[in-house]
PDB file of N, CA and C in Angstrom:
ATOM      1  N   UNK A   1       0.843  -1.164  -0.039  1.00  0.00           N
ATOM      2  CA  UNK A   1       0.002  -0.007  -0.031  1.00  0.00           C
ATOM      3  C   UNK A   1       0.913   1.232  -0.010  1.00  0.00           C
ATOM      4  N   UNK A   2       0.479   2.223  -0.695  1.00  0.00           N
ATOM      5  CA  UNK A   2       1.214   3.480  -0.775  1.00  0.00           C
ATOM      6  C   UNK A   2       1.115   4.144   0.563  1.00  0.00           C
ATOM      7  N   UNK A   3       2.108   5.060   0.837  1.00  0.00           N
ATOM      8  CA  UNK A   3       2.084   5.822   2.058  1.00  0.00           C
ATOM      9  C   UNK A   3       0.849   6.662   2.119  1.00  0.00           C
ATOM     10  N   UNK A   4       0.237   6.771   3.304  1.00  0.00           N
ATOM     11  CA  UNK A   4      -1.000   7.498   3.522  1.00  0.00           C
ATOM     12  C   UNK A   4      -0.734   8.998   3.318  1.00  0.00           C
ATOM     13  N   UNK A   5      -1.754   9.647   2.660  1.00  0.00           N
ATOM     14  CA  UNK A   5      -1.721  11.088   2.463  1.00  0.00           C
ATOM     15  C   UNK A   5      -2.960  11.655   3.103  1.00  0.00           C
ATOM     16  N   UNK A   6      -2.915  12.925   3.505  1.00  0.00           N
ATOM     17  CA  UNK A   6      -4.028  13.506   4.200  1.00  0.00           C
ATOM     18  C   UNK A   6      -4.618  14.639   3.384  1.00  0.00           C
ATOM     19  N   UNK A   7      -3.966  15.034   2.309  1.00  0.00           N
ATOM     20  CA  UNK A   7      -4.526  16.068   1.439  1.00  0.00           C
ATOM     21  C   UNK A   7      -4.329  15.610   0.017  1.00  0.00           C
ATOM     22  N   UNK A   8      -5.309  15.846  -0.805  1.00  0.00           N
ATOM     23  CA  UNK A   8      -5.246  15.402  -2.186  1.00  0.00           C
ATOM     24  C   UNK A   8      -5.568  16.571  -3.131  1.00  0.00           C
ATOM     25  N   UNK A   9      -4.992  16.525  -4.323  1.00  0.00           N
ATOM     26  CA  UNK A   9      -5.343  17.464  -5.377  1.00  0.00           C
ATOM     27  C   UNK A   9      -6.743  17.100  -5.806  1.00  0.00           C
ATOM     28  N   UNK A  10      -7.374  17.957  -6.538  1.00  0.00           N
ATOM     29  CA  UNK A  10      -8.740  17.672  -7.067  1.00  0.00           C
ATOM     30  C   UNK A  10      -8.719  16.438  -7.958  1.00  0.00           C
ATOM     31  N   UNK A  11      -7.715  16.262  -8.758  1.00  0.00           N
ATOM     32  CA  UNK A  11      -7.554  15.134  -9.628  1.00  0.00           C
ATOM     33  C   UNK A  11      -7.367  13.856  -8.836  1.00  0.00           C
ATOM     34  N   UNK A  12      -6.564  13.903  -7.773  1.00  0.00           N
ATOM     35  CA  UNK A  12      -6.330  12.731  -6.969  1.00  0.00           C
ATOM     36  C   UNK A  12      -7.635  12.313  -6.264  1.00  0.00           C
ATOM     37  N   UNK A  13      -8.334  13.302  -5.757  1.00  0.00           N
ATOM     38  CA  UNK A  13      -9.589  12.985  -5.049  1.00  0.00           C
ATOM     39  C   UNK A  13     -10.592  12.397  -6.025  1.00  0.00           C
ATOM     40  N   UNK A  14     -10.714  12.945  -7.180  1.00  0.00           N
ATOM     41  CA  UNK A  14     -11.659  12.442  -8.173  1.00  0.00           C
ATOM     42  C   UNK A  14     -11.311  10.983  -8.523  1.00  0.00           C
ATOM     43  N   UNK A  15     -10.048  10.719  -8.777  1.00  0.00           N
ATOM     44  CA  UNK A  15      -9.636   9.352  -9.131  1.00  0.00           C
ATOM     45  C   UNK A  15      -9.869   8.361  -7.985  1.00  0.00           C
ATOM     46  N   UNK A  16      -9.590   8.791  -6.771  1.00  0.00           N
ATOM     47  CA  UNK A  16      -9.789   7.888  -5.606  1.00  0.00           C
ATOM     48  C   UNK A  16     -11.311   7.666  -5.382  1.00  0.00           C
ATOM     49  N   UNK A  17     -12.094   8.659  -5.566  1.00  0.00           N
ATOM     50  CA  UNK A  17     -13.554   8.513  -5.386  1.00  0.00           C
ATOM     51  C   UNK A  17     -14.118   7.544  -6.420  1.00  0.00           C
ATOM     52  N   UNK A  18     -13.652   7.668  -7.676  1.00  0.00           N
ATOM     53  CA  UNK A  18     -14.112   6.777  -8.731  1.00  0.00           C
ATOM     54  C   UNK A  18     -13.693   5.338  -8.439  1.00  0.00           C
ATOM     55  N   UNK A  19     -12.465   5.165  -7.957  1.00  0.00           N
ATOM     56  CA  UNK A  19     -12.007   3.818  -7.587  1.00  0.00           C
ATOM     57  C   UNK A  19     -12.854   3.232  -6.509  1.00  0.00           C
ATOM     58  N   UNK A  20     -13.146   4.070  -5.468  1.00  0.00           N
ATOM     59  CA  UNK A  20     -13.959   3.626  -4.348  1.00  0.00           C
ATOM     60  C   UNK A  20     -15.362   3.240  -4.807  1.00  0.00           C
ATOM     61  N   UNK A  21     -15.934   4.097  -5.634  1.00  0.00           N
ATOM     62  CA  UNK A  21     -17.289   3.838  -6.153  1.00  0.00           C
ATOM     63  C   UNK A  21     -17.339   2.530  -6.918  1.00  0.00           C
ATOM     64  N   UNK A  22     -16.352   2.382  -7.824  1.00  0.00           N
ATOM     65  CA  UNK A  22     -16.325   1.170  -8.678  1.00  0.00           C
ATOM     66  C   UNK A  22     -16.094  -0.088  -7.802  1.00  0.00           C
ATOM     67  N   UNK A  23     -15.229   0.028  -6.808  1.00  0.00           N
ATOM     68  CA  UNK A  23     -14.986  -1.125  -5.892  1.00  0.00           C
ATOM     69  C   UNK A  23     -16.271  -1.506  -5.161  1.00  0.00           C
ATOM     70  N   UNK A  24     -16.989  -0.499  -4.626  1.00  0.00           N
ATOM     71  CA  UNK A  24     -18.183  -0.777  -3.842  1.00  0.00           C
ATOM     72  C   UNK A  24     -19.274  -1.434  -4.756  1.00  0.00           C
ATOM     73  N   UNK A  25     -19.353  -0.951  -5.942  1.00  0.00           N
ATOM     74  CA  UNK A  25     -20.362  -1.532  -6.892  1.00  0.00           C
ATOM     75  C   UNK A  25     -19.957  -2.982  -7.257  1.00  0.00           C
ATOM     76  N   UNK A  26     -18.689  -3.208  -7.482  1.00  0.00           N
ATOM     77  CA  UNK A  26     -18.184  -4.579  -7.749  1.00  0.00           C
ATOM     78  C   UNK A  26     -18.497  -5.487  -6.593  1.00  0.00           C
ATOM     79  N   UNK A  27     -18.252  -5.007  -5.380  1.00  0.00           N
ATOM     80  CA  UNK A  27     -18.526  -5.769  -4.163  1.00  0.00           C
ATOM     81  C   UNK A  27     -19.995  -6.081  -4.047  1.00  0.00           C
ATOM     82  N   UNK A  28     -20.818  -5.099  -4.318  1.00  0.00           N
ATOM     83  CA  UNK A  28     -22.276  -5.310  -4.263  1.00  0.00           C
ATOM     84  C   UNK A  28     -22.730  -6.307  -5.294  1.00  0.00           C
ATOM     85  N   UNK A  29     -22.215  -6.229  -6.461  1.00  0.00           N
ATOM     86  CA  UNK A  29     -22.633  -7.210  -7.538  1.00  0.00           C
ATOM     87  C   UNK A  29     -22.211  -8.675  -7.182  1.00  0.00           C
ATOM     88  N   UNK A  30     -21.138  -8.778  -6.445  1.00  0.00           N
ATOM     89  CA  UNK A  30     -20.664 -10.102  -5.966  1.00  0.00           C
ATOM     90  C   UNK A  30     -21.347 -10.551  -4.710  1.00  0.00           C
ATOM     91  N   UNK A  31     -22.256  -9.680  -4.163  1.00  0.00           N
ATOM     92  CA  UNK A  31     -22.948  -9.960  -2.941  1.00  0.00           C
ATOM     93  C   UNK A  31     -21.998 -10.267  -1.785  1.00  0.00           C
ATOM     94  N   UNK A  32     -20.997  -9.353  -1.647  1.00  0.00           N
ATOM     95  CA  UNK A  32     -19.971  -9.509  -0.625  1.00  0.00           C
ATOM     96  C   UNK A  32     -20.007  -8.303   0.327  1.00  0.00           C
ATOM     97  N   UNK A  33     -19.276  -8.481   1.421  1.00  0.00           N
ATOM     98  CA  UNK A  33     -19.055  -7.409   2.402  1.00  0.00           C
ATOM     99  C   UNK A  33     -17.564  -7.144   2.370  1.00  0.00           C
ATOM    100  N   UNK A  34     -17.099  -5.973   2.715  1.00  0.00           N
ATOM    101  CA  UNK A  34     -15.693  -5.592   2.678  1.00  0.00           C
ATOM    102  C   UNK A  34     -15.329  -4.855   3.966  1.00  0.00           C
ATOM    103  N   UNK A  35     -14.161  -5.066   4.488  1.00  0.00           N
ATOM    104  CA  UNK A  35     -13.715  -4.272   5.639  1.00  0.00           C
ATOM    105  C   UNK A  35     -13.206  -2.905   5.156  1.00  0.00           C
ATOM    106  N   UNK A  36     -13.128  -1.962   6.099  1.00  0.00           N
ATOM    107  CA  UNK A  36     -12.576  -0.656   5.763  1.00  0.00           C
ATOM    108  C   UNK A  36     -11.191  -0.784   5.212  1.00  0.00           C
ATOM    109  N   UNK A  37     -10.383  -1.629   5.819  1.00  0.00           N
ATOM    110  CA  UNK A  37      -8.983  -1.839   5.354  1.00  0.00           C
ATOM    111  C   UNK A  37      -8.990  -2.397   3.951  1.00  0.00           C
ATOM    112  N   UNK A  38      -9.796  -3.415   3.696  1.00  0.00           N
ATOM    113  CA  UNK A  38      -9.814  -4.021   2.343  1.00  0.00           C
ATOM    114  C   UNK A  38     -10.227  -3.027   1.299  1.00  0.00           C
ATOM    115  N   UNK A  39     -11.210  -2.183   1.635  1.00  0.00           N
ATOM    116  CA  UNK A  39     -11.669  -1.162   0.683  1.00  0.00           C
ATOM    117  C   UNK A  39     -10.528  -0.195   0.380  1.00  0.00           C
ATOM    118  N   UNK A  40      -9.843   0.199   1.454  1.00  0.00           N
ATOM    119  CA  UNK A  40      -8.770   1.155   1.323  1.00  0.00           C
ATOM    120  C   UNK A  40      -7.649   0.560   0.415  1.00  0.00           C
ATOM    121  N   UNK A  41      -7.380  -0.702   0.496  1.00  0.00           N
ATOM    122  CA  UNK A  41      -6.377  -1.344  -0.304  1.00  0.00           C
ATOM    123  C   UNK A  41      -6.768  -1.449  -1.768  1.00  0.00           C
ATOM    124  N   UNK A  42      -8.017  -1.320  -2.087  1.00  0.00           N
ATOM    125  CA  UNK A  42      -8.517  -1.374  -3.478  1.00  0.00           C
ATOM    126  C   UNK A  42      -8.318  -0.034  -4.211  1.00  0.00           C
ATOM    127  N   UNK A  43      -7.961   0.993  -3.452  1.00  0.00           N
ATOM    128  CA  UNK A  43      -7.702   2.305  -4.037  1.00  0.00           C
ATOM    129  C   UNK A  43      -6.245   2.490  -4.265  1.00  0.00           C
ATOM    130  N   UNK A  44      -5.840   2.435  -5.531  1.00  0.00           N
ATOM    131  CA  UNK A  44      -4.422   2.491  -5.842  1.00  0.00           C
ATOM    132  C   UNK A  44      -3.934   3.840  -6.272  1.00  0.00           C
ATOM    133  N   UNK A  45      -4.862   4.789  -6.594  1.00  0.00           N
ATOM    134  CA  UNK A  45      -4.444   6.093  -7.096  1.00  0.00           C
ATOM    135  C   UNK A  45      -3.794   6.987  -6.018  1.00  0.00           C
ATOM    136  N   UNK A  46      -4.163   6.742  -4.766  1.00  0.00           N
ATOM    137  CA  UNK A  46      -3.621   7.473  -3.651  1.00  0.00           C
ATOM    138  C   UNK A  46      -3.486   6.499  -2.434  1.00  0.00           C
ATOM    139  N   UNK A  47      -2.668   6.892  -1.490  1.00  0.00           N
ATOM    140  CA  UNK A  47      -2.560   6.139  -0.281  1.00  0.00           C
ATOM    141  C   UNK A  47      -3.380   6.737   0.844  1.00  0.00           C
ATOM    142  N   UNK A  48      -4.220   5.924   1.454  1.00  0.00           N
ATOM    143  CA  UNK A  48      -5.036   6.462   2.543  1.00  0.00           C
ATOM    144  C   UNK A  48      -5.025   5.413   3.678  1.00  0.00           C
ATOM    145  N   UNK A  49      -5.252   5.878   4.859  1.00  0.00           N
ATOM    146  CA  UNK A  49      -5.374   4.988   6.010  1.00  0.00           C
ATOM    147  C   UNK A  49      -6.851   4.817   6.229  1.00  0.00           C
ATOM    148  N   UNK A  50      -7.342   3.553   6.489  1.00  0.00           N
ATOM    149  CA  UNK A  50      -8.749   3.327   6.594  1.00  0.00           C
ATOM    150  C   UNK A  50      -9.420   3.996   7.805  1.00  0.00           C
ATOM    151  N   UNK A  51      -8.649   4.493   8.733  1.00  0.00           N
ATOM    152  CA  UNK A  51      -9.256   5.157   9.897  1.00  0.00           C
ATOM    153  C   UNK A  51      -9.069   6.689   9.835  1.00  0.00           C
ATOM    154  N   UNK A  52      -8.572   7.160   8.691  1.00  0.00           N
ATOM    155  CA  UNK A  52      -8.301   8.575   8.521  1.00  0.00           C
ATOM    156  C   UNK A  52      -9.599   9.337   8.230  1.00  0.00           C
ATOM    157  N   UNK A  53      -9.570  10.639   8.566  1.00  0.00           N
ATOM    158  CA  UNK A  53     -10.682  11.511   8.242  1.00  0.00           C
ATOM    159  C   UNK A  53     -10.905  11.532   6.734  1.00  0.00           C
ATOM    160  N   UNK A  54      -9.844  11.646   5.959  1.00  0.00           N
ATOM    161  CA  UNK A  54     -10.008  11.746   4.495  1.00  0.00           C
ATOM    162  C   UNK A  54     -10.693  10.513   3.918  1.00  0.00           C
ATOM    163  N   UNK A  55     -10.336   9.324   4.411  1.00  0.00           N
ATOM    164  CA  UNK A  55     -10.983   8.119   3.915  1.00  0.00           C
ATOM    165  C   UNK A  55     -12.485   8.102   4.345  1.00  0.00           C
ATOM    166  N   UNK A  56     -12.708   8.390   5.577  1.00  0.00           N
ATOM    167  CA  UNK A  56     -14.117   8.429   6.052  1.00  0.00           C
ATOM    168  C   UNK A  56     -14.977   9.436   5.305  1.00  0.00           C
ATOM    169  N   UNK A  57     -14.379  10.610   5.078  1.00  0.00           N
ATOM    170  CA  UNK A  57     -15.112  11.662   4.360  1.00  0.00           C
ATOM    171  C   UNK A  57     -15.366  11.238   2.933  1.00  0.00           C
ATOM    172  N   UNK A  58     -14.387  10.633   2.303  1.00  0.00           N
ATOM    173  CA  UNK A  58     -14.564  10.197   0.905  1.00  0.00           C
ATOM    174  C   UNK A  58     -15.635   9.066   0.836  1.00  0.00           C
ATOM    175  N   UNK A  59     -15.631   8.130   1.750  1.00  0.00           N
ATOM    176  CA  UNK A  59     -16.590   7.075   1.790  1.00  0.00           C
ATOM    177  C   UNK A  59     -17.990   7.689   1.935  1.00  0.00           C
ATOM    178  N   UNK A  60     -18.118   8.642   2.837  1.00  0.00           N
ATOM    179  CA  UNK A  60     -19.411   9.296   3.069  1.00  0.00           C
ATOM    180  C   UNK A  60     -19.868  10.021   1.800  1.00  0.00           C
ATOM    181  N   UNK A  61     -18.957  10.683   1.094  1.00  0.00           N
ATOM    182  CA  UNK A  61     -19.351  11.399  -0.119  1.00  0.00           C
ATOM    183  C   UNK A  61     -19.783  10.441  -1.232  1.00  0.00           C
ATOM    184  N   UNK A  62     -19.005   9.400  -1.464  1.00  0.00           N
ATOM    185  CA  UNK A  62     -19.324   8.369  -2.458  1.00  0.00           C
ATOM    186  C   UNK A  62     -20.666   7.788  -2.215  1.00  0.00           C
ATOM    187  N   UNK A  63     -20.903   7.333  -0.985  1.00  0.00           N
ATOM    188  CA  UNK A  63     -22.156   6.678  -0.614  1.00  0.00           C
ATOM    189  C   UNK A  63     -23.322   7.669  -0.696  1.00  0.00           C
ATOM    190  N   UNK A  64     -23.097   8.899  -0.252  1.00  0.00           N
ATOM    191  CA  UNK A  64     -24.180   9.852  -0.314  1.00  0.00           C
ATOM    192  C   UNK A  64     -24.567  10.182  -1.775  1.00  0.00           C
ATOM    193  N   UNK A  65     -23.572  10.344  -2.633  1.00  0.00           N
ATOM    194  CA  UNK A  65     -23.813  10.660  -4.030  1.00  0.00           C
ATOM    195  C   UNK A  65     -24.569   9.491  -4.706  1.00  0.00           C
ATOM    196  N   UNK A  66     -24.180   8.257  -4.447  1.00  0.00           N
ATOM    197  CA  UNK A  66     -24.843   7.128  -5.001  1.00  0.00           C
ATOM    198  C   UNK A  66     -26.259   6.954  -4.443  1.00  0.00           C
ATOM    199  N   UNK A  67     -26.472   7.248  -3.153  1.00  0.00           N
ATOM    200  CA  UNK A  67     -27.796   7.148  -2.588  1.00  0.00           C
ATOM    201  C   UNK A  67     -28.671   8.204  -3.200  1.00  0.00           C
ATOM    202  N   UNK A  68     -28.157   9.408  -3.388  1.00  0.00           N
ATOM    203  CA  UNK A  68     -28.969  10.451  -4.049  1.00  0.00           C
ATOM    204  C   UNK A  68     -29.414  10.094  -5.473  1.00  0.00           C
ATOM    205  N   UNK A  69     -28.661   9.203  -6.136  1.00  0.00           N
ATOM    206  CA  UNK A  69     -29.057   8.720  -7.451  1.00  0.00           C
ATOM    207  C   UNK A  69     -29.996   7.547  -7.387  1.00  0.00           C
ATOM    208  N   UNK A  70     -30.338   7.111  -6.179  1.00  0.00           N
ATOM    209  CA  UNK A  70     -31.226   5.990  -6.013  1.00  0.00           C
ATOM    210  C   UNK A  70     -30.558   4.643  -5.998  1.00  0.00           C
ATOM    211  N   UNK A  71     -29.224   4.637  -5.768  1.00  0.00           N
ATOM    212  CA  UNK A  71     -28.410   3.437  -5.785  1.00  0.00           C
ATOM    213  C   UNK A  71     -28.206   2.767  -4.456  1.00  0.00           C
ATOM    214  N   UNK A  72     -29.046   3.021  -3.496  1.00  0.00           N
ATOM    215  CA  UNK A  72     -29.074   2.396  -2.204  1.00  0.00           C
ATOM    216  C   UNK A  72     -27.876   2.745  -1.335  1.00  0.00           C
ATOM    217  N   UNK A  73     -27.840   2.123  -0.154  1.00  0.00           N
ATOM    218  CA  UNK A  73     -26.826   2.480   0.884  1.00  0.00           C
ATOM    219  C   UNK A  73     -25.562   1.609   0.673  1.00  0.00           C
ATOM    220  N   UNK A  74     -24.703   1.949  -0.279  1.00  0.00           N
ATOM    221  CA  UNK A  74     -23.502   1.217  -0.519  1.00  0.00           C
ATOM    222  C   UNK A  74     -22.608   1.119   0.727  1.00  0.00           C
ATOM    223  N   UNK A  75     -22.689   2.080   1.600  1.00  0.00           N
ATOM    224  CA  UNK A  75     -21.850   2.020   2.796  1.00  0.00           C
ATOM    225  C   UNK A  75     -22.229   0.869   3.734  1.00  0.00           C
ATOM    226  N   UNK A  76     -23.353   0.290   3.508  1.00  0.00           N
ATOM    227  CA  UNK A  76     -23.786  -0.852   4.322  1.00  0.00           C
ATOM    228  C   UNK A  76     -22.843  -2.040   4.129  1.00  0.00           C
ATOM    229  N   UNK A  77     -22.137  -2.076   3.005  1.00  0.00           N
ATOM    230  CA  UNK A  77     -21.222  -3.160   2.684  1.00  0.00           C
ATOM    231  C   UNK A  77     -19.852  -3.028   3.342  1.00  0.00           C
ATOM    232  N   UNK A  78     -19.561  -1.966   3.966  1.00  0.00           N
ATOM    233  CA  UNK A  78     -18.252  -1.694   4.529  1.00  0.00           C
ATOM    234  C   UNK A  78     -18.332  -1.851   6.095  1.00  0.00           C
ATOM    235  N   UNK A  79     -17.522  -2.821   6.572  1.00  0.00           N
ATOM    236  CA  UNK A  79     -17.605  -3.224   8.000  1.00  0.00           C
ATOM    237  C   UNK A  79     -16.255  -3.150   8.668  1.00  0.00           C
ATOM    238  N   UNK A  80     -16.320  -3.139   9.957  1.00  0.00           N
ATOM    239  CA  UNK A  80     -15.084  -3.187  10.763  1.00  0.00           C
ATOM    240  C   UNK A  80     -14.640  -4.648  10.876  1.00  0.00           C
ATOM    241  N   UNK A  81     -13.366  -4.874  10.760  1.00  0.00           N
ATOM    242  CA  UNK A  81     -12.790  -6.228  10.844  1.00  0.00           C
ATOM    243  C   UNK A  81     -13.120  -6.894  12.181  1.00  0.00           C
ATOM    244  N   UNK A  82     -13.047  -6.136  13.246  1.00  0.00           N
ATOM    245  CA  UNK A  82     -13.240  -6.677  14.609  1.00  0.00           C
ATOM    246  C   UNK A  82     -14.653  -7.062  14.894  1.00  0.00           C
ATOM    247  N   UNK A  83     -15.614  -6.375  14.321  1.00  0.00           N
ATOM    248  CA  UNK A  83     -17.069  -6.573  14.672  1.00  0.00           C
ATOM    249  C   UNK A  83     -17.906  -7.245  13.557  1.00  0.00           C
ATOM    250  N   UNK A  84     -17.455  -7.030  12.297  1.00  0.00           N
ATOM    251  CA  UNK A  84     -18.257  -7.508  11.178  1.00  0.00           C
ATOM    252  C   UNK A  84     -19.456  -6.681  10.839  1.00  0.00           C
ATOM    253  N   UNK A  85     -19.546  -5.450  11.468  1.00  0.00           N
ATOM    254  CA  UNK A  85     -20.650  -4.527  11.150  1.00  0.00           C
ATOM    255  C   UNK A  85     -20.022  -3.171  10.878  1.00  0.00           C
ATOM    256  N   UNK A  86     -20.801  -2.266  10.308  1.00  0.00           N
ATOM    257  CA  UNK A  86     -20.290  -0.912  10.039  1.00  0.00           C
ATOM    258  C   UNK A  86     -19.980  -0.207  11.357  1.00  0.00           C
ATOM    259  N   UNK A  87     -19.172   0.815  11.246  1.00  0.00           N
ATOM    260  CA  UNK A  87     -18.829   1.584  12.420  1.00  0.00           C
ATOM    261  C   UNK A  87     -20.100   2.419  12.861  1.00  0.00           C
ATOM    262  N   UNK A  88     -20.010   3.101  13.973  1.00  0.00           N
ATOM    263  CA  UNK A  88     -21.112   3.877  14.470  1.00  0.00           C
ATOM    264  C   UNK A  88     -21.484   4.972  13.468  1.00  0.00           C
ATOM    265  N   UNK A  89     -20.547   5.485  12.698  1.00  0.00           N
ATOM    266  CA  UNK A  89     -20.802   6.503  11.744  1.00  0.00           C
ATOM    267  C   UNK A  89     -21.882   6.110  10.698  1.00  0.00           C
ATOM    268  N   UNK A  90     -21.843   4.819  10.310  1.00  0.00           N
ATOM    269  CA  UNK A  90     -22.840   4.354   9.378  1.00  0.00           C
ATOM    270  C   UNK A  90     -24.260   4.520   9.941  1.00  0.00           C
ATOM    271  N   UNK A  91     -24.424   4.156  11.145  1.00  0.00           N
ATOM    272  CA  UNK A  91     -25.783   4.217  11.755  1.00  0.00           C
ATOM    273  C   UNK A  91     -26.215   5.651  12.009  1.00  0.00           C
ATOM    274  N   UNK A  92     -25.302   6.515  12.403  1.00  0.00           N
ATOM    275  CA  UNK A  92     -25.735   7.920  12.639  1.00  0.00           C
ATOM    276  C   UNK A  92     -25.838   8.706  11.306  1.00  0.00           C
ATOM    277  N   UNK A  93     -25.043   8.390  10.338  1.00  0.00           N
ATOM    278  CA  UNK A  93     -25.080   9.118   9.088  1.00  0.00           C
ATOM    279  C   UNK A  93     -26.237   8.675   8.170  1.00  0.00           C
ATOM    280  N   UNK A  94     -26.711   7.436   8.304  1.00  0.00           N
ATOM    281  CA  UNK A  94     -27.829   6.964   7.475  1.00  0.00           C
ATOM    282  C   UNK A  94     -29.158   7.202   8.158  1.00  0.00           C
ATOM    283  N   UNK A  95     -29.142   7.536   9.441  1.00  0.00           N
ATOM    284  CA  UNK A  95     -30.361   7.705  10.201  1.00  0.00           C
ATOM    285  C   UNK A  95     -31.334   8.734   9.569  1.00  0.00           C
ATOM    286  N   UNK A  96     -30.850   9.883   9.013  1.00  0.00           N
ATOM    287  CA  UNK A  96     -31.823  10.828   8.420  1.00  0.00           C
ATOM    288  C   UNK A  96     -32.597  10.257   7.258  1.00  0.00           C
ATOM    289  N   UNK A  97     -32.063   9.167   6.586  1.00  0.00           N
ATOM    290  CA  UNK A  97     -32.757   8.547   5.482  1.00  0.00           C
ATOM    291  C   UNK A  97     -33.798   7.549   5.935  1.00  0.00           C
ATOM    292  N   UNK A  98     -33.765   7.203   7.184  1.00  0.00           N
ATOM    293  CA  UNK A  98     -34.661   6.123   7.718  1.00  0.00           C
ATOM    294  C   UNK A  98     -36.008   6.740   8.156  1.00  0.00           C
ATOM    295  N   UNK A  99     -37.088   5.985   7.865  1.00  0.00           N
ATOM    296  CA  UNK A  99     -38.396   6.374   8.342  1.00  0.00           C
ATOM    297  C   UNK A  99     -38.721   5.718   9.632  1.00  0.00           C
ATOM    298  N   UNK A 100     -38.194   4.485   9.848  1.00  0.00           N
ATOM    299  CA  UNK A 100     -38.465   3.704  11.029  1.00  0.00           C
ATOM    300  C   UNK A 100     -37.211   3.495  11.770  1.00  0.00           C
ATOM    301  N   UNK A 101     -37.098   3.981  13.024  1.00  0.00           N
ATOM    302  CA  UNK A 101     -35.851   3.831  13.777  1.00  0.00           C
ATOM    303  C   UNK A 101     -35.969   2.612  14.710  1.00  0.00           C
ATOM    304  N   UNK A 102     -36.257   1.462  14.158  1.00  0.00           N
ATOM    305  CA  UNK A 102     -36.343   0.235  14.911  1.00  0.00           C
ATOM    306  C   UNK A 102     -34.996  -0.348  15.249  1.00  0.00           C
ATOM    307  N   UNK A 103     -34.898  -1.648  15.154  1.00  0.00           N
ATOM    308  CA  UNK A 103     -33.663  -2.376  15.426  1.00  0.00           C
ATOM    309  C   UNK A 103     -32.595  -2.009  14.402  1.00  0.00           C
ATOM    310  N   UNK A 104     -31.523  -1.379  14.833  1.00  0.00           N
ATOM    311  CA  UNK A 104     -30.469  -0.899  13.885  1.00  0.00           C
ATOM    312  C   UNK A 104     -29.810  -2.042  13.190  1.00  0.00           C
ATOM    313  N   UNK A 105     -29.585  -3.164  13.876  1.00  0.00           N
ATOM    314  CA  UNK A 105     -28.939  -4.319  13.177  1.00  0.00           C
ATOM    315  C   UNK A 105     -29.879  -4.909  12.101  1.00  0.00           C
ATOM    316  N   UNK A 106     -31.160  -4.948  12.367  1.00  0.00           N
ATOM    317  CA  UNK A 106     -32.123  -5.404  11.406  1.00  0.00           C
ATOM    318  C   UNK A 106     -32.137  -4.498  10.192  1.00  0.00           C
ATOM    319  N   UNK A 107     -32.160  -3.182  10.490  1.00  0.00           N
ATOM    320  CA  UNK A 107     -32.150  -2.213   9.424  1.00  0.00           C
ATOM    321  C   UNK A 107     -30.855  -2.287   8.550  1.00  0.00           C
ATOM    322  N   UNK A 108     -29.732  -2.528   9.234  1.00  0.00           N
ATOM    323  CA  UNK A 108     -28.464  -2.672   8.494  1.00  0.00           C
ATOM    324  C   UNK A 108     -28.544  -3.895   7.561  1.00  0.00           C
ATOM    325  N   UNK A 109     -28.984  -5.036   8.100  1.00  0.00           N
ATOM    326  CA  UNK A 109     -29.108  -6.222   7.281  1.00  0.00           C
ATOM    327  C   UNK A 109     -30.070  -6.021   6.112  1.00  0.00           C
ATOM    328  N   UNK A 110     -31.084  -5.306   6.343  1.00  0.00           N
ATOM    329  CA  UNK A 110     -32.073  -4.962   5.211  1.00  0.00           C
ATOM    330  C   UNK A 110     -31.394  -4.082   4.235  1.00  0.00           C
ATOM    331  N   UNK A 111     -30.571  -3.137   4.646  1.00  0.00           N
ATOM    332  CA  UNK A 111     -29.815  -2.298   3.721  1.00  0.00           C
ATOM    333  C   UNK A 111     -28.825  -3.118   2.856  1.00  0.00           C
ATOM    334  N   UNK A 112     -28.171  -4.099   3.494  1.00  0.00           N
ATOM    335  CA  UNK A 112     -27.259  -4.956   2.747  1.00  0.00           C
ATOM    336  C   UNK A 112     -28.008  -5.698   1.657  1.00  0.00           C
ATOM    337  N   UNK A 113     -29.116  -6.345   2.030  1.00  0.00           N
ATOM    338  CA  UNK A 113     -29.915  -7.084   1.069  1.00  0.00           C
ATOM    339  C   UNK A 113     -30.450  -6.183  -0.026  1.00  0.00           C
ATOM    340  N   UNK A 114     -30.861  -4.965   0.305  1.00  0.00           N
ATOM    341  CA  UNK A 114     -31.356  -4.027  -0.661  1.00  0.00           C
ATOM    342  C   UNK A 114     -30.240  -3.653  -1.663  1.00  0.00           C
ATOM    343  N   UNK A 115     -29.025  -3.429  -1.179  1.00  0.00           N
ATOM    344  CA  UNK A 115     -27.892  -3.123  -2.070  1.00  0.00           C
ATOM    345  C   UNK A 115     -27.604  -4.340  -2.968  1.00  0.00           C
ATOM    346  N   UNK A 116     -27.554  -5.523  -2.404  1.00  0.00           N
ATOM    347  CA  UNK A 116     -27.358  -6.724  -3.187  1.00  0.00           C
ATOM    348  C   UNK A 116     -28.360  -6.829  -4.319  1.00  0.00           C
ATOM    349  N   UNK A 117     -29.596  -6.676  -3.920  1.00  0.00           N
ATOM    350  CA  UNK A 117     -30.721  -6.854  -4.901  1.00  0.00           C
ATOM    351  C   UNK A 117     -30.628  -5.783  -5.996  1.00  0.00           C
ATOM    352  N   UNK A 118     -30.417  -4.551  -5.625  1.00  0.00           N
ATOM    353  CA  UNK A 118     -30.323  -3.447  -6.642  1.00  0.00           C
ATOM    354  C   UNK A 118     -29.158  -3.696  -7.611  1.00  0.00           C
ATOM    355  N   UNK A 119     -27.932  -3.971  -7.095  1.00  0.00           N
ATOM    356  CA  UNK A 119     -26.790  -4.106  -7.986  1.00  0.00           C
ATOM    357  C   UNK A 119     -26.770  -5.442  -8.744  1.00  0.00           C
ATOM    358  N   UNK A 120     -27.543  -6.401  -8.317  1.00  0.00           N
ATOM    359  CA  UNK A 120     -27.587  -7.672  -9.076  1.00  0.00           C
ATOM    360  C   UNK A 120     -28.317  -7.496 -10.403  1.00  0.00           C
ATOM    361  N   UNK A 121     -29.091  -6.387 -10.526  1.00  0.00           N
ATOM    362  CA  UNK A 121     -29.848  -6.168 -11.717  1.00  0.00           C
ATOM    363  C   UNK A 121     -29.386  -4.913 -12.527  1.00  0.00           C
ATOM    364  N   UNK A 122     -28.398  -4.234 -12.010  1.00  0.00           N
ATOM    365  CA  UNK A 122     -27.906  -3.024 -12.683  1.00  0.00           C
ATOM    366  C   UNK A 122     -26.454  -3.117 -13.060  1.00  0.00           C
TER     367      UNK A 122
END
């Protein structure tokens, strides 16, 4: 993995976001889950640390942009290695999109299945 960077040029950011987007869509089509570290390793245009602000912000942007296009919650596919579920940020950042604030784990699993279903046909 390349050395982590904390600031990117506009071109670097655009390339990294496109790699992240493409990786998440590929993962969704394969009906898989990915860790933050594994996703970070799939981005070759820049070096990022999976726990860095820049990685988290980029993931939030990519997922938000795709959700706005109707492409479901791609971030549901990215989980922590230690727990096998998304970090707390997933649950707090997707909450405004939810109508029913029931069981968060159940809602996450439903998001995963929704993403798998959507990308299996697109």
